C-alpha atoms as a PDB file:
ATOM      1  CA  MET A   1     -30.434   7.695 -41.834  1.00  0.00           C
ATOM      2  CA  THR A   2     -33.437  10.019 -41.754  1.00  0.00           C
ATOM      3  CA  SER A   3     -35.320  11.364 -38.821  1.00  0.00           C
ATOM      4  CA  PRO A   4     -39.120  11.027 -38.771  1.00  0.00           C
ATOM      5  CA  HIS A   5     -39.265  14.781 -38.125  1.00  0.00           C
ATOM      6  CA  LEU A   6     -37.278  15.834 -41.166  1.00  0.00           C
ATOM      7  CA  PRO A   7     -38.666  15.823 -44.708  1.00  0.00           C
ATOM      8  CA  ALA A   8     -37.133  13.302 -47.075  1.00  0.00           C
ATOM      9  CA  GLN A   9     -34.425  14.725 -49.277  1.00  0.00           C
ATOM     10  CA  PRO A  10     -34.695  14.315 -53.059  1.00  0.00           C
ATOM     11  CA  ALA A  11     -32.374  11.910 -54.829  1.00  0.00           C
ATOM     12  CA  PRO A  12     -29.127  13.483 -56.079  1.00  0.00           C
ATOM     13  CA  GLY A  13     -29.657  15.304 -59.358  1.00  0.00           C
ATOM     14  CA  ARG A  14     -33.410  15.684 -58.859  1.00  0.00           C
ATOM     15  CA  ALA A  15     -35.152  18.821 -57.739  1.00  0.00           C
ATOM     16  CA  ALA A  16     -37.395  18.753 -54.689  1.00  0.00           C
ATOM     17  CA  PRO A  17     -41.080  18.663 -55.676  1.00  0.00           C
ATOM     18  CA  SER A  18     -42.773  22.009 -55.216  1.00  0.00           C
ATOM     19  CA  THR A  19     -46.036  22.223 -53.360  1.00  0.00           C
ATOM     20  CA  ILE A  20     -49.099  23.960 -54.675  1.00  0.00           C
ATOM     21  CA  PRO A  21     -49.509  27.471 -53.234  1.00  0.00           C
ATOM     22  CA  TRP A  22     -53.110  27.053 -52.079  1.00  0.00           C
ATOM     23  CA  ALA A  23     -53.348  30.635 -50.819  1.00  0.00           C
ATOM     24  CA  VAL A  24     -52.554  31.853 -54.332  1.00  0.00           C
ATOM     25  CA  VAL A  25     -55.149  29.482 -55.822  1.00  0.00           C
ATOM     26  CA  ALA A  26     -57.789  30.723 -53.377  1.00  0.00           C
ATOM     27  CA  GLY A  27     -56.924  34.387 -53.835  1.00  0.00           C
ATOM     28  CA  LEU A  28     -56.922  34.257 -57.614  1.00  0.00           C
ATOM     29  CA  SER A  29     -60.133  32.238 -57.784  1.00  0.00           C
ATOM     30  CA  ALA A  30     -61.816  34.990 -55.778  1.00  0.00           C
ATOM     31  CA  LEU A  31     -61.762  37.044 -58.975  1.00  0.00           C
ATOM     32  CA  ALA A  32     -64.925  35.108 -59.838  1.00  0.00           C
ATOM     33  CA  LEU A  33     -66.631  37.622 -57.569  1.00  0.00           C
ATOM     34  CA  LEU A  34     -65.994  40.360 -60.144  1.00  0.00           C
ATOM     35  CA  TRP A  35     -69.018  39.217 -62.163  1.00  0.00           C
ATOM     36  CA  PRO A  36     -71.649  39.651 -59.440  1.00  0.00           C
ATOM     37  CA  LEU A  37     -69.974  42.780 -58.027  1.00  0.00           C
ATOM     38  CA  THR A  38     -69.944  44.547 -61.373  1.00  0.00           C
ATOM     39  CA  GLY A  39     -73.521  43.407 -61.956  1.00  0.00           C
ATOM     40  CA  LEU A  40     -74.648  44.928 -58.666  1.00  0.00           C
ATOM     41  CA  THR A  41     -72.786  48.199 -59.159  1.00  0.00           C
ATOM     42  CA  GLY A  42     -73.168  48.557 -62.911  1.00  0.00           C
ATOM     43  CA  VAL A  43     -69.530  49.660 -63.130  1.00  0.00           C
ATOM     44  CA  LEU A  44     -68.681  47.913 -66.404  1.00  0.00           C
ATOM     45  CA  GLY A  45     -72.059  48.132 -68.083  1.00  0.00           C
ATOM     46  CA  THR A  46     -73.758  45.007 -69.395  1.00  0.00           C
ATOM     47  CA  GLY A  47     -73.377  42.327 -72.005  1.00  0.00           C
ATOM     48  CA  ALA A  48     -70.274  41.453 -73.982  1.00  0.00           C
ATOM     49  CA  PRO A  49     -68.180  44.521 -73.031  1.00  0.00           C
ATOM     50  CA  ARG A  50     -68.581  43.666 -69.341  1.00  0.00           C
ATOM     51  CA  ALA A  51     -67.816  39.978 -69.904  1.00  0.00           C
ATOM     52  CA  LEU A  52     -64.751  40.668 -72.038  1.00  0.00           C
ATOM     53  CA  THR A  53     -63.432  43.231 -69.568  1.00  0.00           C
ATOM     54  CA  ILE A  54     -63.776  40.794 -66.656  1.00  0.00           C
ATOM     55  CA  ILE A  55     -62.125  38.001 -68.671  1.00  0.00           C
ATOM     56  CA  GLY A  56     -59.261  40.337 -69.594  1.00  0.00           C
ATOM     57  CA  ILE A  57     -58.766  41.573 -66.041  1.00  0.00           C
ATOM     58  CA  THR A  58     -58.798  38.020 -64.720  1.00  0.00           C
ATOM     59  CA  ALA A  59     -56.280  36.788 -67.306  1.00  0.00           C
ATOM     60  CA  VAL A  60     -53.893  39.698 -66.744  1.00  0.00           C
ATOM     61  CA  VAL A  61     -54.027  39.298 -62.957  1.00  0.00           C
ATOM     62  CA  TRP A  62     -53.557  35.510 -63.066  1.00  0.00           C
ATOM     63  CA  ILE A  63     -50.656  35.640 -65.507  1.00  0.00           C
ATOM     64  CA  GLY A  64     -49.091  38.648 -63.788  1.00  0.00           C
ATOM     65  CA  VAL A  65     -49.287  37.278 -60.237  1.00  0.00           C
ATOM     66  CA  VAL A  66     -48.032  33.809 -61.129  1.00  0.00           C
ATOM     67  CA  GLY A  67     -45.538  34.856 -63.813  1.00  0.00           C
ATOM     68  CA  LEU A  68     -44.044  37.869 -62.092  1.00  0.00           C
ATOM     69  CA  GLY A  69     -44.407  36.411 -58.607  1.00  0.00           C
ATOM     70  CA  SER A  70     -42.345  33.344 -59.473  1.00  0.00           C
ATOM     71  CA  VAL A  71     -45.031  30.984 -58.182  1.00  0.00           C
ATOM     72  CA  PRO A  72     -43.913  27.349 -58.464  1.00  0.00           C
ATOM     73  CA  ARG A  73     -45.647  25.016 -60.940  1.00  0.00           C
ATOM     74  CA  PRO A  74     -47.498  27.769 -62.831  1.00  0.00           C
ATOM     75  CA  VAL A  75     -49.512  25.503 -65.147  1.00  0.00           C
ATOM     76  CA  LEU A  76     -50.797  23.277 -62.356  1.00  0.00           C
ATOM     77  CA  THR A  77     -51.382  26.230 -60.043  1.00  0.00           C
ATOM     78  CA  LEU A  78     -53.506  28.111 -62.600  1.00  0.00           C
ATOM     79  CA  THR A  79     -55.308  24.948 -63.724  1.00  0.00           C
ATOM     80  CA  LEU A  80     -56.388  24.415 -60.125  1.00  0.00           C
ATOM     81  CA  THR A  81     -57.213  28.116 -59.914  1.00  0.00           C
ATOM     82  CA  GLY A  82     -59.482  27.722 -62.943  1.00  0.00           C
ATOM     83  CA  VAL A  83     -61.285  24.821 -61.283  1.00  0.00           C
ATOM     84  CA  ALA A  84     -61.649  26.779 -58.032  1.00  0.00           C
ATOM     85  CA  TYR A  85     -62.894  29.797 -60.029  1.00  0.00           C
ATOM     86  CA  GLY A  86     -65.520  27.561 -61.593  1.00  0.00           C
ATOM     87  CA  LEU A  87     -66.546  26.169 -58.221  1.00  0.00           C
ATOM     88  CA  VAL A  88     -66.983  29.706 -56.855  1.00  0.00           C
ATOM     89  CA  THR A  89     -69.092  30.589 -59.896  1.00  0.00           C
ATOM     90  CA  VAL A  90     -71.244  27.468 -59.529  1.00  0.00           C
ATOM     91  CA  ALA A  91     -71.699  28.130 -55.804  1.00  0.00           C
ATOM     92  CA  LEU A  92     -72.743  31.714 -56.524  1.00  0.00           C
ATOM     93  CA  GLY A  93     -75.211  30.524 -59.142  1.00  0.00           C
ATOM     94  CA  LEU A  94     -76.731  27.975 -56.774  1.00  0.00           C
ATOM     95  CA  LEU A  95     -76.839  30.127 -53.670  1.00  0.00           C
ATOM     96  CA  VAL A  96     -77.836  33.449 -55.172  1.00  0.00           C
ATOM     97  CA  PRO A  97     -78.907  33.011 -58.810  1.00  0.00           C
ATOM     98  CA  ALA A  98     -79.392  36.744 -59.390  1.00  0.00           C
ATOM     99  CA  LEU A  99     -75.817  37.458 -58.256  1.00  0.00           C
ATOM    100  CA  GLY A 100     -74.350  34.547 -60.185  1.00  0.00           C
ATOM    101  CA  GLY A 101     -75.641  36.062 -63.405  1.00  0.00           C
ATOM    102  CA  PHE A 102     -77.463  32.909 -64.467  1.00  0.00           C
ATOM    103  CA  GLY A 103     -80.828  32.862 -66.116  1.00  0.00           C
ATOM    104  CA  GLY A 104     -80.813  36.489 -67.267  1.00  0.00           C
ATOM    105  CA  PRO A 105     -83.804  38.783 -66.896  1.00  0.00           C
ATOM    106  CA  GLY A 106     -86.883  36.732 -66.202  1.00  0.00           C
ATOM    107  CA  GLY A 107     -84.855  33.527 -66.112  1.00  0.00           C
ATOM    108  CA  SER A 108     -85.289  30.882 -63.459  1.00  0.00           C
ATOM    109  CA  GLY A 109     -81.654  31.085 -62.400  1.00  0.00           C
ATOM    110  CA  ALA A 110     -81.386  27.304 -62.287  1.00  0.00           C
ATOM    111  CA  GLU A 111     -78.989  25.740 -64.739  1.00  0.00           C
ATOM    112  CA  PRO A 112     -79.151  22.020 -65.518  1.00  0.00           C
ATOM    113  CA  ALA A 113     -76.804  20.024 -63.282  1.00  0.00           C
ATOM    114  CA  TRP A 114     -75.103  18.394 -66.252  1.00  0.00           C
ATOM    115  CA  THR A 115     -73.614  21.775 -67.254  1.00  0.00           C
ATOM    116  CA  ILE A 116     -71.421  21.932 -64.130  1.00  0.00           C
ATOM    117  CA  VAL A 117     -68.796  19.402 -65.322  1.00  0.00           C
ATOM    118  CA  PRO A 118     -68.294  20.987 -68.782  1.00  0.00           C
ATOM    119  CA  ALA A 119     -68.076  24.416 -67.138  1.00  0.00           C
ATOM    120  CA  LEU A 120     -65.387  23.215 -64.692  1.00  0.00           C
ATOM    121  CA  LEU A 121     -63.460  21.557 -67.527  1.00  0.00           C
ATOM    122  CA  SER A 122     -63.640  24.783 -69.512  1.00  0.00           C
ATOM    123  CA  ASP A 123     -62.404  26.805 -66.535  1.00  0.00           C
ATOM    124  CA  ALA A 124     -59.574  24.294 -66.005  1.00  0.00           C
ATOM    125  CA  PHE A 125     -58.613  24.615 -69.684  1.00  0.00           C
ATOM    126  CA  TRP A 126     -58.455  28.424 -69.510  1.00  0.00           C
ATOM    127  CA  GLY A 127     -56.484  28.165 -66.263  1.00  0.00           C
ATOM    128  CA  ALA A 128     -53.977  25.819 -67.927  1.00  0.00           C
ATOM    129  CA  LEU A 129     -53.664  28.213 -70.868  1.00  0.00           C
ATOM    130  CA  ALA A 130     -53.001  31.105 -68.464  1.00  0.00           C
ATOM    131  CA  GLY A 131     -50.519  28.849 -66.661  1.00  0.00           C
ATOM    132  CA  LEU A 132     -48.611  28.279 -69.902  1.00  0.00           C
ATOM    133  CA  ALA A 133     -48.458  32.039 -70.432  1.00  0.00           C
ATOM    134  CA  ALA A 134     -47.287  32.560 -66.836  1.00  0.00           C
ATOM    135  CA  ALA A 135     -44.625  29.869 -67.284  1.00  0.00           C
ATOM    136  CA  GLY A 136     -43.492  31.756 -70.392  1.00  0.00           C
ATOM    137  CA  VAL A 137     -43.239  34.969 -68.382  1.00  0.00           C
ATOM    138  CA  GLN A 138     -41.204  33.129 -65.752  1.00  0.00           C
ATOM    139  CA  ARG A 139     -38.849  31.746 -68.394  1.00  0.00           C
ATOM    140  CA  LEU A 140     -38.405  35.201 -69.951  1.00  0.00           C
ATOM    141  CA  ARG A 141     -37.516  36.546 -66.514  1.00  0.00           C
ATOM    142  CA  GLY A 142     -35.115  33.651 -65.925  1.00  0.00           C
ATOM    143  CA  THR A 143     -37.073  32.291 -62.944  1.00  0.00           C
ATOM    144  CA  GLY A 144     -38.869  29.396 -64.648  1.00  0.00           C
ATOM    145  CA  ARG A 145     -39.289  26.253 -62.608  1.00  0.00           C
END
């Protein structure tokens, strides 16, 4: 007999489903702000070196936080983080085109609407790839879930 106030227990031999750590997803997706912040300050220069540095920093932080932090469901968590990262980037590009980095010098800053879905799919793919790496880190540490 179960009480309506207690969560249902998993069947014997089955693990309880883990929830998505939404605070982790939100915090890691905030790294999308590195692009406009480095653009405003000029800290990392311009062009490919800046882009590759930001991509590298983001990947290391995502994999490190989820892999070393023993976050449950690393692949799903980082896939959702990738989508949220993309949504932050799209929002930045729509609200403040110069800060979003769209359009380049002299550009209009407006990207065609059809590019949003492929961009979000791409971000989800890179998030899933980082999630696989984080799951590998968890397994190496003996904390894989």
